[in-house]
Amino acid sequence: MIKRDHLDAQTRQLQDVVTNVEKHFGELCQIFAAYVRKTARLRDKADLLVNEVNVYASTETPNLKEGLKNFADEFAKLQDYRQAEVERLEAKVVEPLKAYGTIVKMKRDDLKATLTAKNREAKQLSQLERTRQRNPSDRHIIEEILKNLYSLS
């Protein structure tokens, strides 16, 4: 009985761990994805700003035109870095978190299958004990239940 209580405690602990990971990794994935989307929108707005500065520069005097073009070029370079950041975050953070979500679902299914088998085995054991108490001399039924029990293990 002590062994069974220990297994029940381990099972509850595993269920708690899976539930906790499922909850927090889902939140992390959503927040990182939102961060990536907002960073991409910021990059898009900055690209619009670069285009508008270039349009404005084309209408100005040569000295101001050169300064605005240089500013637009440097600002565009910054947006290239922002694009690289978006791509790295998607590839190195968001996608692995999504993959981990699938792994957690598989572990939950494995845990559920294990619990089902354990409960079936416990039911077989209790049936065996009841049969032994009612008909201790009926070896045929007891052997049949033992055979089923060992086939489950």
Protein backbone atom coordinates (compact mmCIF):
# COMPACT_ATOMS: atom_id res chain seq x y z
CA MET A 1 0.00 0.00 0.00
CA ILE A 2 2.91 2.34 0.73
CA LYS A 3 4.25 1.71 -2.77
CA ARG A 4 0.87 2.56 -4.29
CA ASP A 5 0.63 5.80 -2.29
CA HIS A 6 4.13 6.70 -3.47
CA LEU A 7 3.11 6.02 -7.09
CA ASP A 8 -0.05 8.11 -6.65
CA ALA A 9 2.04 10.98 -5.29
CA GLN A 10 4.46 10.70 -8.22
CA THR A 11 1.55 10.66 -10.66
CA ARG A 12 0.01 13.77 -9.09
CA GLN A 13 3.40 15.48 -9.18
CA LEU A 14 3.83 14.63 -12.88
CA GLN A 15 0.34 15.92 -13.65
CA ASP A 16 1.10 19.16 -11.81
CA VAL A 17 4.38 19.61 -13.69
CA VAL A 18 2.73 19.01 -17.07
CA THR A 19 -0.12 21.41 -16.25
CA ASN A 20 2.30 24.07 -15.01
CA VAL A 21 4.52 23.80 -18.10
CA GLU A 22 1.47 23.84 -20.37
CA LYS A 23 0.15 27.01 -18.77
CA HIS A 24 3.40 28.98 -18.57
CA PHE A 25 4.91 27.96 -21.90
CA GLY A 26 1.64 28.84 -23.63
CA GLU A 27 1.76 32.29 -22.06
CA LEU A 28 5.43 32.74 -22.97
CA CYS A 29 4.75 31.73 -26.56
CA GLN A 30 1.85 34.19 -26.87
CA ILE A 31 3.81 37.06 -25.35
CA PHE A 32 6.90 36.45 -27.50
CA ALA A 33 4.74 36.19 -30.63
CA ALA A 34 3.04 39.49 -29.74
CA TYR A 35 6.45 41.10 -29.15
CA VAL A 36 7.67 39.90 -32.56
CA ARG A 37 4.52 41.21 -34.27
CA LYS A 38 4.88 44.62 -32.61
CA THR A 39 8.56 44.80 -33.51
CA ALA A 40 7.69 43.98 -37.12
CA ARG A 41 5.01 46.71 -37.15
CA LEU A 42 7.55 49.17 -35.76
CA ARG A 43 9.95 48.19 -38.55
CA ASP A 44 7.17 48.75 -41.12
CA LYS A 45 6.42 52.23 -39.72
CA ALA A 46 10.11 53.10 -39.80
CA ASP A 47 10.26 52.02 -43.46
CA LEU A 48 7.37 54.40 -44.19
CA LEU A 49 9.29 57.15 -42.37
CA VAL A 50 12.41 56.49 -44.47
CA ASN A 51 10.36 56.71 -47.66
CA GLU A 52 8.74 59.96 -46.55
CA VAL A 53 12.12 61.50 -45.62
CA ASN A 54 13.42 60.55 -49.08
CA VAL A 55 10.40 62.14 -50.74
CA TYR A 56 10.87 65.31 -48.68
CA ALA A 57 14.61 65.34 -49.43
CA SER A 58 13.92 65.37 -53.16
CA THR A 59 12.13 68.72 -52.79
CA GLU A 60 14.84 70.49 -50.76
CA THR A 61 18.09 72.36 -51.44
CA PRO A 62 21.22 70.31 -52.23
CA ASN A 63 22.81 70.59 -48.74
CA LEU A 64 19.61 69.69 -46.87
CA LYS A 65 18.85 67.03 -49.47
CA GLU A 66 22.21 65.33 -48.83
CA GLY A 67 21.71 65.47 -45.05
CA LEU A 68 18.17 64.02 -45.26
CA LYS A 69 19.31 61.26 -47.65
CA ASN A 70 22.15 60.33 -45.25
CA PHE A 71 19.70 60.29 -42.35
CA ALA A 72 17.27 58.10 -44.33
CA ASP A 73 20.07 55.69 -45.29
CA GLU A 74 21.26 55.32 -41.70
CA PHE A 75 17.73 54.91 -40.42
CA ALA A 76 17.10 52.24 -43.07
CA LYS A 77 20.19 50.38 -41.85
CA LEU A 78 18.74 50.38 -38.33
CA GLN A 79 15.57 48.82 -39.73
CA ASP A 80 17.63 46.09 -41.36
CA TYR A 81 18.87 45.19 -37.87
CA ARG A 82 15.29 45.24 -36.60
CA GLN A 83 14.32 42.86 -39.42
CA ALA A 84 17.14 40.53 -38.41
CA GLU A 85 15.89 40.69 -34.81
CA VAL A 86 12.37 39.74 -35.89
CA GLU A 87 13.65 36.80 -37.93
CA ARG A 88 15.92 35.56 -35.11
CA LEU A 89 13.14 35.79 -32.53
CA GLU A 90 10.77 33.85 -34.74
CA ALA A 91 13.34 31.16 -35.52
CA LYS A 92 15.11 30.86 -32.17
CA VAL A 93 12.34 31.59 -29.64
CA VAL A 94 8.79 31.37 -30.95
CA GLU A 95 9.15 28.22 -33.06
CA PRO A 96 10.91 26.18 -30.33
CA LEU A 97 8.23 27.23 -27.84
CA LYS A 98 5.53 26.07 -30.25
CA ALA A 99 7.34 22.75 -30.68
CA TYR A 100 7.60 22.36 -26.92
CA GLY A 101 3.83 22.82 -26.70
CA THR A 102 3.38 19.77 -28.93
CA ILE A 103 5.79 17.78 -26.77
CA VAL A 104 3.85 18.71 -23.63
CA LYS A 105 0.58 17.57 -25.25
CA MET A 106 2.19 14.23 -26.13
CA LYS A 107 3.44 13.85 -22.55
CA ARG A 108 -0.06 14.60 -21.22
CA ASP A 109 -1.47 11.89 -23.52
CA ASP A 110 1.22 9.44 -22.36
CA LEU A 111 0.43 10.23 -18.74
CA LYS A 112 -3.30 9.72 -19.38
CA ALA A 113 -2.64 6.34 -21.02
CA THR A 114 -0.44 5.29 -18.10
CA LEU A 115 -3.10 6.31 -15.59
CA THR A 116 -5.76 4.39 -17.50
CA ALA A 117 -3.60 1.25 -17.50
CA LYS A 118 -2.82 1.69 -13.79
CA ASN A 119 -6.50 2.05 -12.93
CA ARG A 120 -7.38 -1.00 -15.01
CA GLU A 121 -4.69 -2.99 -13.20
CA ALA A 122 -5.94 -1.80 -9.80
CA LYS A 123 -9.47 -2.86 -10.75
CA GLN A 124 -8.19 -6.30 -11.78
CA LEU A 125 -6.32 -6.64 -8.47
CA SER A 126 -9.40 -5.75 -6.44
CA GLN A 127 -11.45 -8.22 -8.49
CA LEU A 128 -8.82 -10.88 -7.77
CA GLU A 129 -8.96 -10.19 -4.03
CA ARG A 130 -12.76 -10.33 -4.01
CA THR A 131 -12.71 -13.62 -5.90
CA ARG A 132 -10.11 -15.06 -3.52
CA GLN A 133 -12.23 -14.07 -0.51
CA ARG A 134 -15.48 -15.43 -1.94
CA ASN A 135 -14.22 -18.63 -3.54
CA PRO A 136 -10.74 -19.51 -2.31
CA SER A 137 -11.03 -23.03 -3.75
CA ASP A 138 -11.99 -21.96 -7.30
CA ARG A 139 -8.49 -22.00 -8.81
CA HIS A 140 -9.73 -21.80 -12.39
CA ILE A 141 -11.28 -18.31 -12.02
CA ILE A 142 -8.35 -17.05 -9.93
CA GLU A 143 -5.86 -18.27 -12.56
CA GLU A 144 -7.94 -16.63 -15.30
CA ILE A 145 -7.85 -13.27 -13.49
CA LEU A 146 -4.10 -13.63 -12.82
CA LYS A 147 -3.53 -14.40 -16.49
CA ASN A 148 -5.43 -11.24 -17.49
CA LEU A 149 -3.56 -9.23 -14.88
CA TYR A 150 -0.14 -10.37 -16.14
CA SER A 151 -1.12 -9.67 -19.74
CA LEU A 152 -1.85 -6.05 -18.72
CA SER A 153 1.57 -5.61 -17.13
